[in-house]
Amino acid sequence: KDMLGYPPMQYALRKKIGEAQTLLISTDYSISQIA
């Protein structure tokens, strides 16, 4: 948290959401598939 500003598990969750955004933008997968 001192280095990145996020607790580790919040960072991991933001990574999941970020990857989901990439898939939403760049693919035609359904939202359930992306989840």
All heavy atoms as atom14 arrays in JSON, in Angstrom:
{
  "sequence": "KDMLGYPPMQYALRKKIGEAQTLLISTDYSISQIA",
  "atom14_mask": [
    [1, 1, 1, 1, 1, 1, 1, 1, 1, 0, 0, 0, 0, 0],
    [1, 1, 1, 1, 1, 1, 1, 1, 0, 0, 0, 0, 0, 0],
    [1, 1, 1, 1, 1, 1, 1, 1, 0, 0, 0, 0, 0, 0],
    [1, 1, 1, 1, 1, 1, 1, 1, 0, 0, 0, 0, 0, 0],
    [1, 1, 1, 1, 0, 0, 0, 0, 0, 0, 0, 0, 0, 0],
    [1, 1, 1, 1, 1, 1, 1, 1, 1, 1, 1, 1, 0, 0],
    [1, 1, 1, 1, 1, 1, 1, 0, 0, 0, 0, 0, 0, 0],
    [1, 1, 1, 1, 1, 1, 1, 0, 0, 0, 0, 0, 0, 0],
    [1, 1, 1, 1, 1, 1, 1, 1, 0, 0, 0, 0, 0, 0],
    [1, 1, 1, 1, 1, 1, 1, 1, 1, 0, 0, 0, 0, 0],
    [1, 1, 1, 1, 1, 1, 1, 1, 1, 1, 1, 1, 0, 0],
    [1, 1, 1, 1, 1, 0, 0, 0, 0, 0, 0, 0, 0, 0],
    [1, 1, 1, 1, 1, 1, 1, 1, 0, 0, 0, 0, 0, 0],
    [1, 1, 1, 1, 1, 1, 1, 1, 1, 1, 1, 0, 0, 0],
    [1, 1, 1, 1, 1, 1, 1, 1, 1, 0, 0, 0, 0, 0],
    [1, 1, 1, 1, 1, 1, 1, 1, 1, 0, 0, 0, 0, 0],
    [1, 1, 1, 1, 1, 1, 1, 1, 0, 0, 0, 0, 0, 0],
    [1, 1, 1, 1, 0, 0, 0, 0, 0, 0, 0, 0, 0, 0],
    [1, 1, 1, 1, 1, 1, 1, 1, 1, 0, 0, 0, 0, 0],
    [1, 1, 1, 1, 1, 0, 0, 0, 0, 0, 0, 0, 0, 0],
    [1, 1, 1, 1, 1, 1, 1, 1, 1, 0, 0, 0, 0, 0],
    [1, 1, 1, 1, 1, 1, 1, 0, 0, 0, 0, 0, 0, 0],
    [1, 1, 1, 1, 1, 1, 1, 1, 0, 0, 0, 0, 0, 0],
    [1, 1, 1, 1, 1, 1, 1, 1, 0, 0, 0, 0, 0, 0],
    [1, 1, 1, 1, 1, 1, 1, 1, 0, 0, 0, 0, 0, 0],
    [1, 1, 1, 1, 1, 1, 0, 0, 0, 0, 0, 0, 0, 0],
    [1, 1, 1, 1, 1, 1, 1, 0, 0, 0, 0, 0, 0, 0],
    [1, 1, 1, 1, 1, 1, 1, 1, 0, 0, 0, 0, 0, 0],
    [1, 1, 1, 1, 1, 1, 1, 1, 1, 1, 1, 1, 0, 0],
    [1, 1, 1, 1, 1, 1, 0, 0, 0, 0, 0, 0, 0, 0],
    [1, 1, 1, 1, 1, 1, 1, 1, 0, 0, 0, 0, 0, 0],
    [1, 1, 1, 1, 1, 1, 0, 0, 0, 0, 0, 0, 0, 0],
    [1, 1, 1, 1, 1, 1, 1, 1, 1, 0, 0, 0, 0, 0],
    [1, 1, 1, 1, 1, 1, 1, 1, 0, 0, 0, 0, 0, 0],
    [1, 1, 1, 1, 1, 0, 0, 0, 0, 0, 0, 0, 0, 0]
  ],
  "atom14_positions": [
    [[0.83, -1.21, 0.0], [0.0, 0.0, 0.0], [0.87, 1.25, 0.0], [0.52, 2.26, -0.63], [-0.94, 0.0, 1.2], [-1.93, 1.17, 1.17], [-2.96, 1.08, 2.27], [-3.95, 2.26, 2.15], [-4.98, 2.22, 3.21], [0.0, 0.0, 0.0], [0.0, 0.0, 0.0], [0.0, 0.0, 0.0], [0.0, 0.0, 0.0], [0.0, 0.0, 0.0]],
    [[1.99, 1.21, 0.7], [2.89, 2.36, 0.72], [3.44, 2.65, -0.67], [3.63, 3.81, -1.04], [4.04, 2.09, 1.7], [4.97, 3.29, 1.85], [4.47, 4.38, 2.19], [6.18, 3.14, 1.6], [0.0, 0.0, 0.0], [0.0, 0.0, 0.0], [0.0, 0.0, 0.0], [0.0, 0.0, 0.0], [0.0, 0.0, 0.0], [0.0, 0.0, 0.0]],
    [[3.68, 1.6, -1.47], [4.26, 1.8, -2.79], [3.21, 2.18, -3.83], [3.4, 3.11, -4.62], [4.99, 0.54, -3.24], [5.75, 0.72, -4.56], [6.77, -0.69, -5.04], [5.57, -1.67, -5.95], [0.0, 0.0, 0.0], [0.0, 0.0, 0.0], [0.0, 0.0, 0.0], [0.0, 0.0, 0.0], [0.0, 0.0, 0.0], [0.0, 0.0, 0.0]],
    [[2.06, 1.48, -3.86], [1.09, 1.65, -4.93], [-0.17, 2.41, -4.53], [-0.95, 2.82, -5.39], [0.71, 0.29, -5.51], [1.8, -0.44, -6.29], [1.28, -1.75, -6.82], [2.31, 0.4, -7.44], [0.0, 0.0, 0.0], [0.0, 0.0, 0.0], [0.0, 0.0, 0.0], [0.0, 0.0, 0.0], [0.0, 0.0, 0.0], [0.0, 0.0, 0.0]],
    [[-0.4, 2.53, -3.23], [-1.59, 3.25, -2.79], [-2.82, 2.39, -2.62], [-3.87, 2.87, -2.19], [0.0, 0.0, 0.0], [0.0, 0.0, 0.0], [0.0, 0.0, 0.0], [0.0, 0.0, 0.0], [0.0, 0.0, 0.0], [0.0, 0.0, 0.0], [0.0, 0.0, 0.0], [0.0, 0.0, 0.0], [0.0, 0.0, 0.0], [0.0, 0.0, 0.0]],
    [[-2.73, 1.1, -2.93], [-3.85, 0.17, -2.78], [-3.43, -0.98, -1.87], [-2.3, -1.47, -1.95], [-4.26, -0.45, -4.12], [-4.71, 0.51, -5.18], [-4.09, 0.55, -6.42], [-5.78, 1.37, -4.95], [-4.51, 1.42, -7.41], [-6.2, 2.25, -5.93], [-5.56, 2.27, -7.16], [-5.98, 3.14, -8.13], [0.0, 0.0, 0.0], [0.0, 0.0, 0.0]],
    [[-4.34, -1.5, -1.03], [-4.07, -2.77, -0.36], [-3.98, -3.88, -1.41], [-4.58, -3.75, -2.5], [-5.31, -2.97, 0.55], [-5.94, -1.62, 0.64], [-5.63, -0.92, -0.64], [0.0, 0.0, 0.0], [0.0, 0.0, 0.0], [0.0, 0.0, 0.0], [0.0, 0.0, 0.0], [0.0, 0.0, 0.0], [0.0, 0.0, 0.0], [0.0, 0.0, 0.0]],
    [[-3.26, -4.95, -1.14], [-3.05, -6.0, -2.15], [-4.34, -6.57, -2.74], [-4.44, -6.75, -3.97], [-2.28, -7.08, -1.38], [-1.56, -6.34, -0.32], [-2.48, -5.22, 0.08], [0.0, 0.0, 0.0], [0.0, 0.0, 0.0], [0.0, 0.0, 0.0], [0.0, 0.0, 0.0], [0.0, 0.0, 0.0], [0.0, 0.0, 0.0], [0.0, 0.0, 0.0]],
    [[-5.34, -6.85, -1.91], [-6.55, -7.47, -2.44], [-7.39, -6.49, -3.27], [-8.07, -6.89, -4.21], [-7.38, -8.08, -1.3], [-6.66, -9.19, -0.54], [-5.85, -10.4, -1.63], [-7.25, -11.12, -2.46], [0.0, 0.0, 0.0], [0.0, 0.0, 0.0], [0.0, 0.0, 0.0], [0.0, 0.0, 0.0], [0.0, 0.0, 0.0], [0.0, 0.0, 0.0]],
    [[-7.32, -5.2, -2.92], [-8.02, -4.22, -3.75], [-7.31, -4.08, -5.09], [-7.97, -3.93, -6.14], [-8.07, -2.86, -3.05], [-8.88, -1.83, -3.82], [-8.94, -0.47, -3.16], [-8.61, -0.33, -1.99], [-9.36, 0.52, -3.9], [0.0, 0.0, 0.0], [0.0, 0.0, 0.0], [0.0, 0.0, 0.0], [0.0, 0.0, 0.0], [0.0, 0.0, 0.0]],
    [[-6.0, -4.14, -5.07], [-5.23, -4.12, -6.32], [-5.64, -5.3, -7.2], [-5.86, -5.13, -8.41], [-3.74, -4.16, -6.0], [-2.84, -4.25, -7.21], [-2.39, -3.1, -7.85], [-2.41, -5.48, -7.7], [-1.56, -3.19, -8.97], [-1.58, -5.57, -8.81], [-1.16, -4.42, -9.43], [-0.33, -4.52, -10.53], [0.0, 0.0, 0.0], [0.0, 0.0, 0.0]],
    [[-5.72, -6.48, -6.62], [-6.1, -7.68, -7.39], [-7.5, -7.52, -7.99], [-7.74, -7.9, -9.14], [-6.04, -8.92, -6.5], [0.0, 0.0, 0.0], [0.0, 0.0, 0.0], [0.0, 0.0, 0.0], [0.0, 0.0, 0.0], [0.0, 0.0, 0.0], [0.0, 0.0, 0.0], [0.0, 0.0, 0.0], [0.0, 0.0, 0.0], [0.0, 0.0, 0.0]],
    [[-8.42, -6.96, -7.21], [-9.78, -6.76, -7.71], [-9.79, -5.74, -8.85], [-10.47, -5.93, -9.87], [-10.7, -6.29, -6.58], [-12.15, -5.99, -6.95], [-12.81, -7.2, -7.62], [-12.95, -5.55, -5.73], [0.0, 0.0, 0.0], [0.0, 0.0, 0.0], [0.0, 0.0, 0.0], [0.0, 0.0, 0.0], [0.0, 0.0, 0.0], [0.0, 0.0, 0.0]],
    [[-9.02, -4.66, -8.7], [-8.94, -3.67, -9.78], [-8.34, -4.28, -11.04], [-8.71, -3.92, -12.16], [-8.14, -2.45, -9.31], [-8.83, -1.62, -8.23], [-7.99, -0.41, -7.84], [-8.03, 0.63, -8.86], [-8.96, 1.58, -8.94], [-9.95, 1.63, -8.05], [-8.91, 2.49, -9.89], [0.0, 0.0, 0.0], [0.0, 0.0, 0.0], [0.0, 0.0, 0.0]],
    [[-7.4, -5.2, -10.87], [-6.85, -5.9, -12.03], [-7.94, -6.71, -12.74], [-8.0, -6.73, -13.98], [-5.72, -6.84, -11.6], [-4.41, -6.14, -11.29], [-3.6, -5.87, -12.56], [-3.07, -7.13, -13.17], [-2.23, -6.87, -14.37], [0.0, 0.0, 0.0], [0.0, 0.0, 0.0], [0.0, 0.0, 0.0], [0.0, 0.0, 0.0], [0.0, 0.0, 0.0]],
    [[-8.79, -7.38, -11.98], [-9.89, -8.14, -12.57], [-10.82, -7.22, -13.36], [-11.22, -7.52, -14.5], [-10.69, -8.85, -11.47], [-10.02, -10.05, -10.82], [-10.92, -10.59, -9.71], [-10.3, -11.74, -8.97], [-10.35, -13.0, -9.73], [0.0, 0.0, 0.0], [0.0, 0.0, 0.0], [0.0, 0.0, 0.0], [0.0, 0.0, 0.0], [0.0, 0.0, 0.0]],
    [[-11.19, -6.09, -12.74], [-12.09, -5.15, -13.4], [-11.42, -4.57, -14.64], [-12.06, -4.4, -15.7], [-12.5, -4.02, -12.43], [-13.24, -4.6, -11.21], [-13.38, -2.99, -13.15], [-14.53, -5.31, -11.52], [0.0, 0.0, 0.0], [0.0, 0.0, 0.0], [0.0, 0.0, 0.0], [0.0, 0.0, 0.0], [0.0, 0.0, 0.0], [0.0, 0.0, 0.0]],
    [[-10.13, -4.25, -14.54], [-9.41, -3.72, -15.7], [-9.36, -4.7, -16.85], [-9.53, -4.33, -18.02], [0.0, 0.0, 0.0], [0.0, 0.0, 0.0], [0.0, 0.0, 0.0], [0.0, 0.0, 0.0], [0.0, 0.0, 0.0], [0.0, 0.0, 0.0], [0.0, 0.0, 0.0], [0.0, 0.0, 0.0], [0.0, 0.0, 0.0], [0.0, 0.0, 0.0]],
    [[-9.13, -5.97, -16.53], [-9.12, -7.0, -17.58], [-10.51, -7.14, -18.19], [-10.65, -7.31, -19.41], [-8.66, -8.33, -16.99], [-8.68, -9.51, -17.95], [-7.73, -9.35, -19.12], [-6.82, -8.51, -19.07], [-7.91, -10.09, -20.12], [0.0, 0.0, 0.0], [0.0, 0.0, 0.0], [0.0, 0.0, 0.0], [0.0, 0.0, 0.0], [0.0, 0.0, 0.0]],
    [[-11.54, -7.05, -17.35], [-12.91, -7.11, -17.88], [-13.18, -5.95, -18.82], [-13.82, -6.12, -19.87], [-13.91, -7.1, -16.72], [0.0, 0.0, 0.0], [0.0, 0.0, 0.0], [0.0, 0.0, 0.0], [0.0, 0.0, 0.0], [0.0, 0.0, 0.0], [0.0, 0.0, 0.0], [0.0, 0.0, 0.0], [0.0, 0.0, 0.0], [0.0, 0.0, 0.0]],
    [[-12.7, -4.75, -18.48], [-12.88, -3.6, -19.37], [-12.21, -3.84, -20.73], [-12.78, -3.52, -21.77], [-12.29, -2.35, -18.71], [-13.12, -1.82, -17.55], [-12.49, -0.59, -16.94], [-11.32, -0.58, -16.59], [-13.26, 0.48, -16.83], [0.0, 0.0, 0.0], [0.0, 0.0, 0.0], [0.0, 0.0, 0.0], [0.0, 0.0, 0.0], [0.0, 0.0, 0.0]],
    [[-11.01, -4.4, -20.69], [-10.31, -4.7, -21.94], [-11.13, -5.64, -22.81], [-11.27, -5.45, -24.02], [-8.93, -5.32, -21.65], [-8.13, -4.38, -20.93], [-8.21, -5.71, -22.93], [0.0, 0.0, 0.0], [0.0, 0.0, 0.0], [0.0, 0.0, 0.0], [0.0, 0.0, 0.0], [0.0, 0.0, 0.0], [0.0, 0.0, 0.0], [0.0, 0.0, 0.0]],
    [[-11.7, -6.67, -22.2], [-12.49, -7.63, -22.94], [-13.79, -7.01, -23.45], [-14.25, -7.31, -24.57], [-12.79, -8.85, -22.06], [-11.57, -9.7, -21.67], [-11.93, -10.71, -20.59], [-10.99, -10.41, -22.89], [0.0, 0.0, 0.0], [0.0, 0.0, 0.0], [0.0, 0.0, 0.0], [0.0, 0.0, 0.0], [0.0, 0.0, 0.0], [0.0, 0.0, 0.0]],
    [[-14.39, -6.13, -22.66], [-15.61, -5.46, -23.09], [-15.35, -4.55, -24.29], [-16.18, -4.45, -25.21], [-16.2, -4.63, -21.94], [-16.87, -5.41, -20.81], [-17.06, -4.52, -19.59], [-18.21, -5.98, -21.26], [0.0, 0.0, 0.0], [0.0, 0.0, 0.0], [0.0, 0.0, 0.0], [0.0, 0.0, 0.0], [0.0, 0.0, 0.0], [0.0, 0.0, 0.0]],
    [[-14.2, -3.9, -24.29], [-13.87, -2.96, -25.36], [-13.47, -3.7, -26.64], [-13.85, -3.32, -27.74], [-12.71, -2.04, -24.92], [-13.17, -1.11, -23.8], [-12.17, -1.22, -26.09], [-12.03, -0.39, -23.11], [0.0, 0.0, 0.0], [0.0, 0.0, 0.0], [0.0, 0.0, 0.0], [0.0, 0.0, 0.0], [0.0, 0.0, 0.0], [0.0, 0.0, 0.0]],
    [[-12.7, -4.76, -26.49], [-12.0, -5.33, -27.66], [-12.54, -6.67, -28.14], [-12.02, -7.2, -29.12], [-10.51, -5.48, -27.33], [-10.33, -6.36, -26.22], [0.0, 0.0, 0.0], [0.0, 0.0, 0.0], [0.0, 0.0, 0.0], [0.0, 0.0, 0.0], [0.0, 0.0, 0.0], [0.0, 0.0, 0.0], [0.0, 0.0, 0.0], [0.0, 0.0, 0.0]],
    [[-13.56, -7.24, -27.48], [-14.1, -8.52, -27.91], [-15.62, -8.47, -27.94], [-16.24, -7.52, -27.47], [-13.67, -9.67, -26.96], [-14.46, -9.61, -25.74], [-12.19, -9.61, -26.62], [0.0, 0.0, 0.0], [0.0, 0.0, 0.0], [0.0, 0.0, 0.0], [0.0, 0.0, 0.0], [0.0, 0.0, 0.0], [0.0, 0.0, 0.0], [0.0, 0.0, 0.0]],
    [[-16.2, -9.54, -28.47], [-17.66, -9.67, -28.5], [-18.16, -10.72, -27.51], [-19.3, -11.18, -27.6], [-18.13, -10.04, -29.9], [-17.91, -8.91, -30.9], [-18.11, -7.74, -30.51], [-17.51, -9.18, -32.05], [0.0, 0.0, 0.0], [0.0, 0.0, 0.0], [0.0, 0.0, 0.0], [0.0, 0.0, 0.0], [0.0, 0.0, 0.0], [0.0, 0.0, 0.0]],
    [[-17.32, -11.11, -26.56], [-17.78, -12.05, -25.54], [-18.95, -11.46, -24.78], [-19.03, -10.23, -24.55], [-16.67, -12.35, -24.54], [-15.53, -13.19, -25.08], [-14.22, -12.71, -25.04], [-15.75, -14.45, -25.61], [-13.17, -13.48, -25.54], [-14.71, -15.22, -26.11], [-13.42, -14.73, -26.07], [-12.39, -15.48, -26.56], [0.0, 0.0, 0.0], [0.0, 0.0, 0.0]],
    [[-19.88, -12.31, -24.34], [-21.0, -11.84, -23.54], [-20.5, -11.43, -22.16], [-19.4, -11.82, -21.73], [-22.05, -12.94, -23.39], [-21.55, -13.99, -22.58], [0.0, 0.0, 0.0], [0.0, 0.0, 0.0], [0.0, 0.0, 0.0], [0.0, 0.0, 0.0], [0.0, 0.0, 0.0], [0.0, 0.0, 0.0], [0.0, 0.0, 0.0], [0.0, 0.0, 0.0]],
    [[-21.29, -10.64, -21.46], [-20.89, -10.18, -20.13], [-20.75, -11.36, -19.17], [-19.84, -11.4, -18.34], [-21.9, -9.15, -19.6], [-21.82, -7.88, -20.46], [-21.64, -8.81, -18.14], [-22.85, -6.83, -20.17], [0.0, 0.0, 0.0], [0.0, 0.0, 0.0], [0.0, 0.0, 0.0], [0.0, 0.0, 0.0], [0.0, 0.0, 0.0], [0.0, 0.0, 0.0]],
    [[-21.62, -12.35, -19.28], [-21.5, -13.53, -18.41], [-20.2, -14.29, -18.69], [-19.55, -14.78, -17.76], [-22.71, -14.45, -18.58], [-22.8, -14.93, -19.91], [0.0, 0.0, 0.0], [0.0, 0.0, 0.0], [0.0, 0.0, 0.0], [0.0, 0.0, 0.0], [0.0, 0.0, 0.0], [0.0, 0.0, 0.0], [0.0, 0.0, 0.0], [0.0, 0.0, 0.0]],
    [[-19.81, -14.39, -19.96], [-18.55, -15.04, -20.3], [-17.37, -14.27, -19.73], [-16.43, -14.86, -19.17], [-18.4, -15.15, -21.83], [-19.28, -16.2, -22.48], [-19.16, -16.17, -24.0], [-19.29, -15.11, -24.63], [-18.91, -17.32, -24.6], [0.0, 0.0, 0.0], [0.0, 0.0, 0.0], [0.0, 0.0, 0.0], [0.0, 0.0, 0.0], [0.0, 0.0, 0.0]],
    [[-17.41, -12.96, -19.85], [-16.32, -12.13, -19.34], [-16.22, -12.24, -17.82], [-15.12, -12.33, -17.26], [-16.5, -10.67, -19.79], [-16.28, -10.56, -21.3], [-15.57, -9.73, -19.04], [-16.61, -9.2, -21.9], [0.0, 0.0, 0.0], [0.0, 0.0, 0.0], [0.0, 0.0, 0.0], [0.0, 0.0, 0.0], [0.0, 0.0, 0.0], [0.0, 0.0, 0.0]],
    [[-17.36, -12.27, -17.16], [-17.35, -12.42, -15.69], [-16.63, -13.7, -15.28], [-15.81, -13.7, -14.36], [-18.79, -12.42, -15.16], [0.0, 0.0, 0.0], [0.0, 0.0, 0.0], [0.0, 0.0, 0.0], [0.0, 0.0, 0.0], [0.0, 0.0, 0.0], [0.0, 0.0, 0.0], [0.0, 0.0, 0.0], [0.0, 0.0, 0.0], [0.0, 0.0, 0.0]]
  ]
}
